[in-house]
Protein backbone atom coordinates (compact mmCIF):
# COMPACT_ATOMS: atom_id res chain seq x y z
CA MET A 1 108.73 94.94 -103.63
CA GLN A 2 106.98 92.75 -101.05
CA VAL A 3 105.18 94.42 -98.15
CA ARG A 4 105.77 92.70 -94.83
CA THR A 5 102.80 92.48 -92.50
CA MET A 6 103.20 93.19 -88.81
CA ASP A 7 103.73 90.04 -86.80
CA LYS A 8 103.38 91.68 -83.37
CA ILE A 9 101.09 94.24 -81.78
CA LEU A 10 101.55 96.52 -78.80
CA ILE A 11 99.06 96.11 -75.94
CA LYS A 12 98.59 97.81 -72.61
CA LEU A 13 98.48 95.11 -69.95
CA TYR A 14 97.20 95.61 -66.41
CA VAL A 15 97.99 92.97 -63.75
CA PRO A 16 95.84 93.73 -60.68
CA SER A 17 97.45 91.10 -58.42
CA ILE A 18 100.70 93.08 -58.44
CA GLU A 19 99.15 96.47 -59.30
CA GLU A 20 101.35 96.95 -62.37
CA ARG A 21 100.79 98.12 -65.94
CA TYR A 22 102.96 97.22 -68.91
CA ASP A 23 103.20 98.18 -72.56
CA ILE A 24 104.21 94.94 -74.21
CA LYS A 25 104.34 93.49 -77.72
CA ILE A 26 102.65 90.17 -78.35
CA PRO A 27 102.82 87.92 -81.44
CA LEU A 28 99.76 87.76 -83.70
CA ASN A 29 100.36 84.19 -84.85
CA LYS A 30 100.37 82.54 -81.39
CA ARG A 31 97.37 81.21 -79.50
CA VAL A 32 96.17 83.39 -76.63
CA SER A 33 96.99 80.52 -74.23
CA GLU A 34 100.63 80.59 -75.42
CA VAL A 35 100.73 84.37 -75.07
CA ILE A 36 99.45 84.11 -71.49
CA PHE A 37 102.41 81.84 -70.65
CA LEU A 38 104.79 84.30 -72.34
CA LEU A 39 103.25 87.15 -70.34
CA ILE A 40 103.62 85.22 -67.07
CA LYS A 41 107.28 84.61 -67.83
CA ALA A 42 107.92 88.25 -68.80
CA ILE A 43 106.10 89.66 -65.75
CA ASP A 44 108.01 87.28 -63.49
CA GLU A 45 111.27 88.60 -64.93
CA PHE A 46 110.09 92.22 -64.55
CA CYS A 47 109.25 91.53 -60.88
CA GLY A 48 112.55 89.85 -60.10
CA GLY A 49 111.02 86.38 -59.87
CA SER A 50 108.18 87.27 -57.51
CA TYR A 51 105.19 86.82 -59.89
CA LYS A 52 103.95 83.25 -59.47
CA PRO A 53 100.19 83.00 -60.00
CA GLU A 54 98.57 80.03 -58.22
CA GLN A 55 96.51 79.17 -61.29
CA ILE A 56 96.70 80.06 -64.97
CA PRO A 57 95.28 83.59 -65.32
CA HIS A 58 92.77 84.63 -67.97
CA LEU A 59 93.12 87.52 -70.36
CA TYR A 60 90.26 90.03 -70.48
CA ASN A 61 89.41 93.01 -72.62
CA LEU A 62 89.58 95.83 -70.05
CA LEU A 63 86.88 97.94 -71.74
CA THR A 64 84.26 95.24 -72.35
CA GLU A 65 85.29 93.01 -69.41
CA GLU A 66 84.91 89.98 -71.71
CA VAL A 67 87.26 87.04 -71.36
CA ILE A 68 89.39 86.43 -74.45
CA ASP A 69 89.15 82.88 -75.78
CA ALA A 70 92.50 81.22 -74.99
CA ASP A 71 92.09 78.74 -77.86
CA LEU A 72 92.10 81.42 -80.55
CA LYS A 73 95.15 82.93 -82.18
CA VAL A 74 95.73 86.55 -81.19
CA ARG A 75 94.85 87.74 -84.71
CA ASP A 76 91.53 85.83 -84.56
CA ALA A 77 90.67 86.96 -81.01
CA ASN A 78 90.03 90.54 -82.14
CA ILE A 79 92.99 91.87 -80.13
CA LYS A 80 94.12 95.12 -81.72
CA ASN A 81 97.18 97.34 -81.48
CA GLY A 82 96.92 99.59 -78.41
CA MET A 83 94.17 97.53 -76.78
CA GLN A 84 93.98 97.49 -72.98
CA LEU A 85 93.99 93.98 -71.52
CA LEU A 86 93.67 92.62 -68.03
CA LEU A 87 95.51 89.51 -66.76
CA ILE A 88 93.69 87.92 -63.80
């Protein structure tokens, strides 16, 4: 029997510009830059089309306040299940 590895993780995302928090699953095999675009699209849908950042936001580790390298894949960026992230 083959064991399937998880292909998504659950993160806690805080978006200060709209003062909202979300629990959202993100794919491990995508680049952080791609995930940011997916998050923008999802947040925009959650807000009824009112989330339109003027520039591409960055993803930060909420605890360490370090920016997450957008060129890395999620699995290589040390993003873990349950991690708290900040989109600004």
